[in-house]
Amino acid sequence: MAKLEEKEINSKKVFEGRLLKVRVDTVKLPNGVESTREVVEHPGAVAVVAITQDNELVLIRQFRQATGEVLLEVPAGVPEKNEAGEAAARRELEEETGYHAKNVKKIWEGYASPGYSNEIIQFFLATDMNLMKQKTDEDELIEVDLVDLELCLDLVKTGKIRDNKTMIGVLIAEMFIKGDL
């Protein structure tokens, strides 16, 4: 593994926003070549795979400025300062969808896009839910959609679900329902 590791020579912060920071690193590769890496620093996120008793996924529709599209997604968000992942998952599910889950369990985590970001997404499975009241933030316009698992799988296969965390969430839901998780 050491023969693949890059050594940081220099690092310069070029942007610091409310959520993200961007830095440009100069690195030396094991073969002696120097290169530049642009890195987005992200505090990490949670994604909630919420499954109803009827094997429907609780999904949201939201316009995403970065893509210029309304996307169908699993509920997700960023933990608040010192907030545990499970607590953040519960909060995001309730705020974005209005659903309160009695059972929330961490089932997986992974890098969102390690080629340029250090963001890790923690995936939580939410079951045994009651519908309460949606409490979105003032700057969030979200529609809730209950979608049958089989239809979700078709939407992934046909490219209608284009959000990677949601694709992973649909596959996790399928594994859970089949008893493989």
N, C-alpha and C. Protein backbone atom coordinates (compact mmCIF):
# COMPACT_ATOMS: atom_id res chain seq x y z
N MET A 1 0.81 -1.20 0.00
CA MET A 1 0.00 0.00 0.00
C MET A 1 0.85 1.26 0.00
N ALA A 2 1.98 1.24 0.69
CA ALA A 2 2.83 2.43 0.76
C ALA A 2 3.28 2.86 -0.63
N LYS A 3 3.40 1.91 -1.55
CA LYS A 3 3.84 2.25 -2.90
C LYS A 3 2.78 3.03 -3.68
N LEU A 4 1.56 3.14 -3.14
CA LEU A 4 0.50 3.90 -3.78
C LEU A 4 0.24 5.24 -3.12
N GLU A 5 0.75 5.43 -1.92
CA GLU A 5 0.44 6.63 -1.15
C GLU A 5 1.15 7.86 -1.69
N GLU A 6 0.40 8.97 -1.68
CA GLU A 6 0.94 10.26 -2.09
C GLU A 6 1.36 11.03 -0.84
N LYS A 7 2.44 11.80 -0.96
CA LYS A 7 2.92 12.59 0.17
C LYS A 7 2.55 14.05 -0.07
N GLU A 8 1.86 14.63 0.91
CA GLU A 8 1.47 16.04 0.80
C GLU A 8 2.69 16.93 0.98
N ILE A 9 2.89 17.83 0.02
CA ILE A 9 3.99 18.79 0.09
C ILE A 9 3.47 20.13 0.61
N ASN A 10 2.28 20.51 0.12
CA ASN A 10 1.71 21.80 0.48
C ASN A 10 0.19 21.70 0.41
N SER A 11 -0.49 22.48 1.23
CA SER A 11 -1.95 22.52 1.21
C SER A 11 -2.39 23.96 1.41
N LYS A 12 -3.30 24.41 0.54
CA LYS A 12 -3.76 25.81 0.62
C LYS A 12 -5.29 25.83 0.59
N LYS A 13 -5.90 26.45 1.62
CA LYS A 13 -7.36 26.64 1.64
C LYS A 13 -7.70 27.73 0.63
N VAL A 14 -8.67 27.43 -0.25
CA VAL A 14 -9.06 28.42 -1.26
C VAL A 14 -10.49 28.89 -1.09
N PHE A 15 -11.27 28.17 -0.27
CA PHE A 15 -12.66 28.56 -0.03
C PHE A 15 -13.12 27.98 1.29
N GLU A 16 -13.88 28.78 2.04
CA GLU A 16 -14.50 28.29 3.27
C GLU A 16 -15.92 28.83 3.33
N GLY A 17 -16.89 27.95 3.15
CA GLY A 17 -18.29 28.32 3.19
C GLY A 17 -18.96 27.85 4.46
N ARG A 18 -20.27 27.97 4.49
CA ARG A 18 -21.05 27.55 5.65
C ARG A 18 -20.94 26.05 5.87
N LEU A 19 -20.93 25.28 4.78
CA LEU A 19 -20.90 23.82 4.87
C LEU A 19 -19.57 23.23 4.38
N LEU A 20 -19.08 23.74 3.28
CA LEU A 20 -17.92 23.14 2.62
C LEU A 20 -16.68 24.01 2.71
N LYS A 21 -15.53 23.33 2.65
CA LYS A 21 -14.24 24.00 2.50
C LYS A 21 -13.57 23.36 1.29
N VAL A 22 -12.78 24.15 0.59
CA VAL A 22 -12.04 23.63 -0.56
C VAL A 22 -10.57 23.97 -0.36
N ARG A 23 -9.74 22.97 -0.62
CA ARG A 23 -8.29 23.19 -0.52
C ARG A 23 -7.63 22.63 -1.78
N VAL A 24 -6.46 23.14 -2.07
CA VAL A 24 -5.65 22.63 -3.17
C VAL A 24 -4.36 22.09 -2.56
N ASP A 25 -4.13 20.80 -2.74
CA ASP A 25 -2.94 20.15 -2.21
C ASP A 25 -1.94 19.89 -3.33
N THR A 26 -0.68 20.12 -3.03
CA THR A 26 0.40 19.69 -3.90
C THR A 26 0.94 18.41 -3.28
N VAL A 27 1.03 17.36 -4.09
CA VAL A 27 1.46 16.06 -3.58
C VAL A 27 2.60 15.51 -4.44
N LYS A 28 3.39 14.64 -3.80
CA LYS A 28 4.43 13.92 -4.53
C LYS A 28 4.01 12.47 -4.61
N LEU A 29 3.95 11.96 -5.82
CA LEU A 29 3.57 10.57 -6.06
C LEU A 29 4.76 9.66 -5.77
N PRO A 30 4.51 8.38 -5.53
CA PRO A 30 5.61 7.45 -5.24
C PRO A 30 6.68 7.40 -6.35
N ASN A 31 6.29 7.74 -7.58
CA ASN A 31 7.27 7.73 -8.67
C ASN A 31 8.04 9.04 -8.78
N GLY A 32 7.83 9.97 -7.81
CA GLY A 32 8.56 11.23 -7.77
C GLY A 32 7.88 12.39 -8.48
N VAL A 33 6.82 12.14 -9.20
CA VAL A 33 6.10 13.19 -9.92
C VAL A 33 5.27 14.01 -8.93
N GLU A 34 5.30 15.35 -9.10
CA GLU A 34 4.46 16.22 -8.29
C GLU A 34 3.15 16.46 -9.04
N SER A 35 2.05 16.55 -8.27
CA SER A 35 0.75 16.77 -8.87
C SER A 35 -0.10 17.63 -7.94
N THR A 36 -1.23 18.07 -8.44
CA THR A 36 -2.16 18.90 -7.68
C THR A 36 -3.45 18.14 -7.45
N ARG A 37 -4.00 18.25 -6.25
CA ARG A 37 -5.28 17.63 -5.90
C ARG A 37 -6.19 18.70 -5.33
N GLU A 38 -7.39 18.83 -5.91
CA GLU A 38 -8.41 19.73 -5.38
C GLU A 38 -9.32 18.91 -4.49
N VAL A 39 -9.49 19.33 -3.25
CA VAL A 39 -10.21 18.54 -2.26
C VAL A 39 -11.34 19.36 -1.65
N VAL A 40 -12.55 18.78 -1.67
CA VAL A 40 -13.70 19.38 -1.00
C VAL A 40 -13.80 18.72 0.38
N GLU A 41 -13.70 19.52 1.42
CA GLU A 41 -13.85 19.01 2.78
C GLU A 41 -15.32 19.13 3.17
N HIS A 42 -15.89 18.03 3.61
CA HIS A 42 -17.32 17.97 3.95
C HIS A 42 -17.45 17.34 5.33
N PRO A 43 -18.35 17.84 6.18
CA PRO A 43 -18.46 17.30 7.54
C PRO A 43 -19.08 15.90 7.62
N GLY A 44 -19.61 15.39 6.51
CA GLY A 44 -20.26 14.08 6.53
C GLY A 44 -21.76 14.23 6.54
N ALA A 45 -22.45 13.15 6.18
CA ALA A 45 -23.90 13.21 6.06
C ALA A 45 -24.53 11.90 6.52
N VAL A 46 -25.83 11.96 6.69
CA VAL A 46 -26.63 10.76 6.97
C VAL A 46 -27.66 10.61 5.86
N ALA A 47 -28.00 9.37 5.54
CA ALA A 47 -29.06 9.07 4.58
C ALA A 47 -29.96 8.05 5.24
N VAL A 48 -31.28 8.21 5.05
CA VAL A 48 -32.24 7.36 5.75
C VAL A 48 -33.03 6.53 4.75
N VAL A 49 -32.89 5.22 4.88
CA VAL A 49 -33.67 4.28 4.08
C VAL A 49 -34.88 3.92 4.95
N ALA A 50 -35.99 4.60 4.70
CA ALA A 50 -37.20 4.44 5.52
C ALA A 50 -38.18 3.55 4.77
N ILE A 51 -38.56 2.44 5.40
CA ILE A 51 -39.43 1.45 4.76
C ILE A 51 -40.72 1.31 5.56
N THR A 52 -41.85 1.49 4.87
CA THR A 52 -43.15 1.34 5.53
C THR A 52 -43.49 -0.14 5.68
N GLN A 53 -44.56 -0.42 6.41
CA GLN A 53 -45.03 -1.80 6.58
C GLN A 53 -45.50 -2.42 5.28
N ASP A 54 -45.81 -1.57 4.28
CA ASP A 54 -46.25 -2.05 2.97
C ASP A 54 -45.09 -2.15 1.97
N ASN A 55 -43.85 -2.16 2.47
CA ASN A 55 -42.64 -2.24 1.63
C ASN A 55 -42.54 -1.09 0.64
N GLU A 56 -42.93 0.08 1.10
CA GLU A 56 -42.75 1.30 0.31
C GLU A 56 -41.59 2.07 0.92
N LEU A 57 -40.82 2.72 0.08
CA LEU A 57 -39.76 3.59 0.55
C LEU A 57 -40.31 5.01 0.68
N VAL A 58 -39.94 5.67 1.76
CA VAL A 58 -40.31 7.06 1.96
C VAL A 58 -39.23 7.89 1.28
N LEU A 59 -39.58 8.47 0.13
CA LEU A 59 -38.64 9.25 -0.66
C LEU A 59 -39.10 10.70 -0.71
N ILE A 60 -38.17 11.56 -1.10
CA ILE A 60 -38.50 12.97 -1.24
C ILE A 60 -38.16 13.43 -2.65
N ARG A 61 -38.89 14.45 -3.09
CA ARG A 61 -38.58 15.14 -4.35
C ARG A 61 -38.15 16.54 -3.98
N GLN A 62 -37.00 16.93 -4.53
CA GLN A 62 -36.45 18.24 -4.19
C GLN A 62 -35.63 18.76 -5.38
N PHE A 63 -35.76 20.06 -5.67
CA PHE A 63 -34.93 20.66 -6.71
C PHE A 63 -33.51 20.79 -6.19
N ARG A 64 -32.56 20.39 -7.03
CA ARG A 64 -31.14 20.49 -6.66
C ARG A 64 -30.45 21.46 -7.61
N GLN A 65 -30.02 22.57 -7.09
CA GLN A 65 -29.41 23.62 -7.89
C GLN A 65 -28.20 23.11 -8.67
N ALA A 66 -27.40 22.27 -8.05
CA ALA A 66 -26.18 21.78 -8.71
C ALA A 66 -26.49 21.00 -9.99
N THR A 67 -27.63 20.32 -10.03
CA THR A 67 -27.99 19.52 -11.21
C THR A 67 -29.01 20.24 -12.09
N GLY A 68 -29.70 21.21 -11.54
CA GLY A 68 -30.75 21.89 -12.27
C GLY A 68 -31.98 21.03 -12.46
N GLU A 69 -32.16 20.03 -11.59
CA GLU A 69 -33.25 19.07 -11.72
C GLU A 69 -33.94 18.82 -10.38
N VAL A 70 -35.18 18.36 -10.47
CA VAL A 70 -35.87 17.82 -9.30
C VAL A 70 -35.49 16.35 -9.24
N LEU A 71 -34.94 15.93 -8.11
CA LEU A 71 -34.48 14.55 -7.95
C LEU A 71 -35.34 13.81 -6.93
N LEU A 72 -35.47 12.52 -7.13
CA LEU A 72 -36.13 11.62 -6.19
C LEU A 72 -35.03 11.02 -5.33
N GLU A 73 -35.12 11.22 -4.01
CA GLU A 73 -34.03 10.85 -3.12
C GLU A 73 -34.53 10.25 -1.81
N VAL A 74 -33.63 9.53 -1.13
CA VAL A 74 -33.89 9.16 0.25
C VAL A 74 -33.67 10.42 1.10
N PRO A 75 -34.37 10.56 2.21
CA PRO A 75 -34.12 11.71 3.09
C PRO A 75 -32.66 11.68 3.57
N ALA A 76 -32.05 12.85 3.65
CA ALA A 76 -30.64 12.92 4.04
C ALA A 76 -30.32 14.31 4.55
N GLY A 77 -29.18 14.41 5.19
CA GLY A 77 -28.75 15.72 5.67
C GLY A 77 -27.44 15.62 6.43
N VAL A 78 -27.04 16.74 6.97
CA VAL A 78 -25.77 16.86 7.68
C VAL A 78 -26.05 16.93 9.19
N PRO A 79 -25.33 16.12 9.97
CA PRO A 79 -25.50 16.22 11.43
C PRO A 79 -25.13 17.62 11.93
N GLU A 80 -25.87 18.05 12.94
CA GLU A 80 -25.53 19.32 13.58
C GLU A 80 -24.30 19.10 14.46
N LYS A 81 -23.68 20.18 14.91
CA LYS A 81 -22.47 20.07 15.73
C LYS A 81 -22.72 19.17 16.94
N ASN A 82 -21.86 18.20 17.13
CA ASN A 82 -21.91 17.22 18.24
C ASN A 82 -23.14 16.33 18.19
N GLU A 83 -23.85 16.25 17.06
CA GLU A 83 -25.02 15.38 16.95
C GLU A 83 -24.59 14.01 16.43
N ALA A 84 -25.00 12.96 17.12
CA ALA A 84 -24.68 11.59 16.69
C ALA A 84 -25.42 11.28 15.39
N GLY A 85 -24.87 10.34 14.62
CA GLY A 85 -25.47 9.97 13.35
C GLY A 85 -26.90 9.51 13.46
N GLU A 86 -27.21 8.65 14.42
CA GLU A 86 -28.58 8.15 14.57
C GLU A 86 -29.55 9.29 14.88
N ALA A 87 -29.14 10.19 15.75
CA ALA A 87 -30.00 11.33 16.10
C ALA A 87 -30.23 12.20 14.87
N ALA A 88 -29.19 12.40 14.07
CA ALA A 88 -29.32 13.20 12.85
C ALA A 88 -30.26 12.52 11.86
N ALA A 89 -30.14 11.19 11.75
CA ALA A 89 -31.02 10.44 10.83
C ALA A 89 -32.48 10.58 11.27
N ARG A 90 -32.74 10.43 12.54
CA ARG A 90 -34.11 10.59 13.06
C ARG A 90 -34.63 12.00 12.77
N ARG A 91 -33.81 13.00 13.06
CA ARG A 91 -34.21 14.39 12.87
C ARG A 91 -34.48 14.68 11.39
N GLU A 92 -33.58 14.26 10.52
CA GLU A 92 -33.76 14.53 9.08
C GLU A 92 -35.01 13.83 8.55
N LEU A 93 -35.26 12.60 8.97
CA LEU A 93 -36.45 11.88 8.52
C LEU A 93 -37.71 12.64 8.94
N GLU A 94 -37.76 13.07 10.19
CA GLU A 94 -38.94 13.78 10.69
C GLU A 94 -39.10 15.14 10.01
N GLU A 95 -38.00 15.90 9.90
CA GLU A 95 -38.10 17.23 9.29
C GLU A 95 -38.54 17.15 7.83
N GLU A 96 -37.88 16.27 7.07
CA GLU A 96 -38.10 16.25 5.63
C GLU A 96 -39.38 15.52 5.22
N THR A 97 -39.79 14.51 6.01
CA THR A 97 -40.93 13.68 5.58
C THR A 97 -42.11 13.70 6.54
N GLY A 98 -41.88 14.07 7.79
CA GLY A 98 -42.94 14.00 8.78
C GLY A 98 -43.06 12.64 9.45
N TYR A 99 -42.22 11.69 9.06
CA TYR A 99 -42.29 10.35 9.66
C TYR A 99 -41.38 10.25 10.87
N HIS A 100 -41.91 9.64 11.94
CA HIS A 100 -41.14 9.32 13.14
C HIS A 100 -40.94 7.81 13.14
N ALA A 101 -39.69 7.38 13.23
CA ALA A 101 -39.39 5.94 13.22
C ALA A 101 -39.08 5.46 14.63
N LYS A 102 -39.73 4.35 15.01
CA LYS A 102 -39.42 3.75 16.31
C LYS A 102 -38.09 3.02 16.24
N ASN A 103 -37.76 2.46 15.07
CA ASN A 103 -36.51 1.71 14.91
C ASN A 103 -35.62 2.39 13.87
N VAL A 104 -34.43 2.78 14.30
CA VAL A 104 -33.43 3.36 13.40
C VAL A 104 -32.11 2.67 13.71
N LYS A 105 -31.50 2.13 12.66
CA LYS A 105 -30.28 1.34 12.85
C LYS A 105 -29.27 1.68 11.75
N LYS A 106 -28.03 1.95 12.16
CA LYS A 106 -26.97 2.21 11.18
C LYS A 106 -26.63 0.89 10.50
N ILE A 107 -26.57 0.93 9.16
CA ILE A 107 -26.32 -0.31 8.44
C ILE A 107 -25.12 -0.25 7.50
N TRP A 108 -24.63 0.95 7.21
CA TRP A 108 -23.50 1.03 6.27
C TRP A 108 -22.99 2.45 6.25
N GLU A 109 -21.75 2.63 5.81
CA GLU A 109 -21.21 3.95 5.55
C GLU A 109 -20.15 3.85 4.46
N GLY A 110 -19.99 4.94 3.72
CA GLY A 110 -18.99 4.94 2.67
C GLY A 110 -18.76 6.34 2.14
N TYR A 111 -17.67 6.50 1.40
CA TYR A 111 -17.34 7.80 0.80
C TYR A 111 -18.31 8.12 -0.33
N ALA A 112 -18.72 9.38 -0.41
CA ALA A 112 -19.64 9.82 -1.46
C ALA A 112 -18.93 9.87 -2.82
N SER A 113 -17.78 10.49 -2.86
CA SER A 113 -17.02 10.61 -4.11
C SER A 113 -15.56 10.91 -3.76
N PRO A 114 -14.78 9.88 -3.42
CA PRO A 114 -13.44 10.07 -2.87
C PRO A 114 -12.41 10.64 -3.85
N GLY A 115 -12.76 10.78 -5.11
CA GLY A 115 -11.84 11.38 -6.06
C GLY A 115 -11.60 12.86 -5.79
N TYR A 116 -12.56 13.50 -5.10
CA TYR A 116 -12.39 14.93 -4.83
C TYR A 116 -12.93 15.36 -3.47
N SER A 117 -13.57 14.46 -2.71
CA SER A 117 -14.18 14.86 -1.45
C SER A 117 -13.92 13.83 -0.36
N ASN A 118 -13.87 14.31 0.89
CA ASN A 118 -13.71 13.41 2.03
C ASN A 118 -15.06 13.08 2.70
N GLU A 119 -16.17 13.44 2.05
CA GLU A 119 -17.50 13.21 2.63
C GLU A 119 -17.78 11.73 2.82
N ILE A 120 -18.21 11.38 4.03
CA ILE A 120 -18.67 10.03 4.34
C ILE A 120 -20.16 10.10 4.61
N ILE A 121 -20.92 9.21 3.95
CA ILE A 121 -22.36 9.14 4.20
C ILE A 121 -22.63 7.91 5.04
N GLN A 122 -23.31 8.12 6.17
CA GLN A 122 -23.77 7.02 7.02
C GLN A 122 -25.20 6.69 6.62
N PHE A 123 -25.48 5.41 6.36
CA PHE A 123 -26.81 4.98 5.97
C PHE A 123 -27.51 4.34 7.17
N PHE A 124 -28.76 4.77 7.37
CA PHE A 124 -29.57 4.25 8.46
C PHE A 124 -30.85 3.64 7.90
N LEU A 125 -31.27 2.54 8.49
CA LEU A 125 -32.53 1.89 8.13
C LEU A 125 -33.57 2.31 9.17
N ALA A 126 -34.71 2.82 8.70
CA ALA A 126 -35.78 3.26 9.59
C ALA A 126 -37.02 2.43 9.31
N THR A 127 -37.58 1.85 10.36
CA THR A 127 -38.79 1.04 10.24
C THR A 127 -39.74 1.35 11.39
N ASP A 128 -40.94 0.78 11.33
CA ASP A 128 -41.95 0.95 12.36
C ASP A 128 -42.21 2.45 12.58
N MET A 129 -42.81 3.06 11.57
CA MET A 129 -42.94 4.51 11.54
C MET A 129 -44.38 4.98 11.72
N ASN A 130 -44.50 6.18 12.26
CA ASN A 130 -45.77 6.88 12.38
C ASN A 130 -45.64 8.20 11.63
N LEU A 131 -46.70 8.59 10.93
CA LEU A 131 -46.70 9.86 10.24
C LEU A 131 -47.09 10.96 11.21
N MET A 132 -46.24 11.96 11.33
CA MET A 132 -46.49 13.10 12.20
C MET A 132 -46.71 14.31 11.29
N LYS A 133 -45.86 15.33 11.42
CA LYS A 133 -45.97 16.54 10.60
C LYS A 133 -44.60 16.91 10.05
N GLN A 134 -44.56 17.16 8.75
CA GLN A 134 -43.33 17.58 8.09
C GLN A 134 -42.90 18.94 8.64
N LYS A 135 -41.59 19.10 8.92
CA LYS A 135 -41.06 20.35 9.48
C LYS A 135 -39.82 20.79 8.71
N THR A 136 -39.98 21.07 7.43
CA THR A 136 -38.84 21.45 6.62
C THR A 136 -38.28 22.79 7.04
N ASP A 137 -37.00 23.00 6.72
CA ASP A 137 -36.39 24.30 6.94
C ASP A 137 -37.02 25.31 6.00
N GLU A 138 -36.89 26.58 6.31
CA GLU A 138 -37.49 27.64 5.51
C GLU A 138 -37.02 27.61 4.06
N ASP A 139 -35.78 27.18 3.84
CA ASP A 139 -35.23 27.18 2.48
C ASP A 139 -35.34 25.82 1.79
N GLU A 140 -36.17 24.92 2.33
CA GLU A 140 -36.37 23.59 1.74
C GLU A 140 -37.81 23.45 1.25
N LEU A 141 -37.97 23.16 -0.02
CA LEU A 141 -39.27 22.83 -0.59
C LEU A 141 -39.20 21.36 -0.98
N ILE A 142 -39.91 20.53 -0.24
CA ILE A 142 -39.80 19.08 -0.38
C ILE A 142 -41.18 18.45 -0.50
N GLU A 143 -41.33 17.55 -1.45
CA GLU A 143 -42.53 16.72 -1.57
C GLU A 143 -42.17 15.31 -1.14
N VAL A 144 -43.05 14.67 -0.38
CA VAL A 144 -42.84 13.30 0.08
C VAL A 144 -43.57 12.36 -0.87
N ASP A 145 -42.93 11.24 -1.17
CA ASP A 145 -43.50 10.26 -2.09
C ASP A 145 -43.25 8.86 -1.52
N LEU A 146 -44.30 8.08 -1.36
CA LEU A 146 -44.15 6.67 -0.97
C LEU A 146 -44.09 5.86 -2.25
N VAL A 147 -42.99 5.12 -2.43
CA VAL A 147 -42.77 4.40 -3.68
C VAL A 147 -42.50 2.93 -3.37
N ASP A 148 -43.28 2.06 -3.99
CA ASP A 148 -43.12 0.62 -3.83
C ASP A 148 -41.68 0.21 -4.18
N LEU A 149 -41.13 -0.72 -3.41
CA LEU A 149 -39.75 -1.15 -3.62
C LEU A 149 -39.52 -1.63 -5.05
N GLU A 150 -40.42 -2.41 -5.60
CA GLU A 150 -40.23 -2.93 -6.97
C GLU A 150 -40.16 -1.78 -7.98
N LEU A 151 -41.00 -0.77 -7.79
CA LEU A 151 -40.96 0.39 -8.68
C LEU A 151 -39.64 1.14 -8.50
N CYS A 152 -39.18 1.26 -7.25
CA CYS A 152 -37.89 1.91 -7.00
C CYS A 152 -36.76 1.20 -7.74
N LEU A 153 -36.77 -0.14 -7.68
CA LEU A 153 -35.75 -0.91 -8.39
C LEU A 153 -35.81 -0.63 -9.89
N ASP A 154 -37.02 -0.56 -10.45
CA ASP A 154 -37.18 -0.23 -11.87
C ASP A 154 -36.67 1.18 -12.16
N LEU A 155 -36.94 2.12 -11.27
CA LEU A 155 -36.49 3.50 -11.46
C LEU A 155 -34.96 3.59 -11.44
N VAL A 156 -34.32 2.75 -10.64
CA VAL A 156 -32.85 2.70 -10.64
C VAL A 156 -32.37 2.09 -11.95
N LYS A 157 -32.95 0.96 -12.35
CA LYS A 157 -32.51 0.26 -13.58
C LYS A 157 -32.70 1.11 -14.82
N THR A 158 -33.74 1.93 -14.86
CA THR A 158 -34.02 2.74 -16.04
C THR A 158 -33.38 4.13 -15.98
N GLY A 159 -32.63 4.40 -14.93
CA GLY A 159 -31.93 5.68 -14.83
C GLY A 159 -32.81 6.84 -14.40
N LYS A 160 -33.99 6.56 -13.89
CA LYS A 160 -34.88 7.63 -13.43
C LYS A 160 -34.48 8.12 -12.04
N ILE A 161 -33.92 7.22 -11.23
CA ILE A 161 -33.29 7.64 -9.97
C ILE A 161 -31.82 7.79 -10.30
N ARG A 162 -31.32 9.03 -10.15
CA ARG A 162 -29.96 9.34 -10.57
C ARG A 162 -29.05 9.73 -9.42
N ASP A 163 -29.57 9.74 -8.22
CA ASP A 163 -28.81 10.12 -7.04
C ASP A 163 -28.16 8.86 -6.46
N ASN A 164 -26.83 8.87 -6.34
CA ASN A 164 -26.11 7.68 -5.91
C ASN A 164 -26.52 7.19 -4.52
N LYS A 165 -26.69 8.10 -3.56
CA LYS A 165 -27.06 7.65 -2.22
C LYS A 165 -28.42 6.97 -2.23
N THR A 166 -29.31 7.44 -3.12
CA THR A 166 -30.64 6.83 -3.22
C THR A 166 -30.56 5.47 -3.89
N MET A 167 -29.71 5.34 -4.90
CA MET A 167 -29.51 4.03 -5.53
C MET A 167 -29.02 3.03 -4.50
N ILE A 168 -28.06 3.42 -3.70
CA ILE A 168 -27.56 2.55 -2.63
C ILE A 168 -28.67 2.25 -1.64
N GLY A 169 -29.46 3.26 -1.29
CA GLY A 169 -30.57 3.07 -0.35
C GLY A 169 -31.59 2.07 -0.86
N VAL A 170 -31.92 2.13 -2.15
CA VAL A 170 -32.88 1.19 -2.74
C VAL A 170 -32.33 -0.24 -2.66
N LEU A 171 -31.05 -0.41 -2.95
CA LEU A 171 -30.45 -1.75 -2.88
C LEU A 171 -30.40 -2.26 -1.44
N ILE A 172 -30.15 -1.36 -0.50
CA ILE A 172 -30.17 -1.74 0.92
C ILE A 172 -31.58 -2.17 1.31
N ALA A 173 -32.60 -1.43 0.87
CA ALA A 173 -33.99 -1.79 1.17
C ALA A 173 -34.31 -3.16 0.63
N GLU A 174 -33.90 -3.43 -0.59
CA GLU A 174 -34.16 -4.74 -1.19
C GLU A 174 -33.50 -5.85 -0.35
N MET A 175 -32.27 -5.64 0.07
CA MET A 175 -31.58 -6.64 0.90
C MET A 175 -32.32 -6.85 2.21
N PHE A 176 -32.80 -5.77 2.84
CA PHE A 176 -33.51 -5.87 4.11
C PHE A 176 -34.81 -6.67 3.94
N ILE A 177 -35.56 -6.33 2.91
CA ILE A 177 -36.86 -7.00 2.70
C ILE A 177 -36.69 -8.48 2.38
N LYS A 178 -35.61 -8.81 1.66
CA LYS A 178 -35.32 -10.22 1.33
C LYS A 178 -34.74 -10.97 2.52
N GLY A 179 -34.39 -10.25 3.58
CA GLY A 179 -33.80 -10.90 4.76
C GLY A 179 -32.31 -11.08 4.67
N ASP A 180 -31.65 -10.39 3.73
CA ASP A 180 -30.21 -10.51 3.55
C ASP A 180 -29.44 -9.49 4.40
N LEU A 181 -30.15 -8.73 5.21
CA LEU A 181 -29.48 -7.68 5.99
C LEU A 181 -29.93 -7.76 7.42
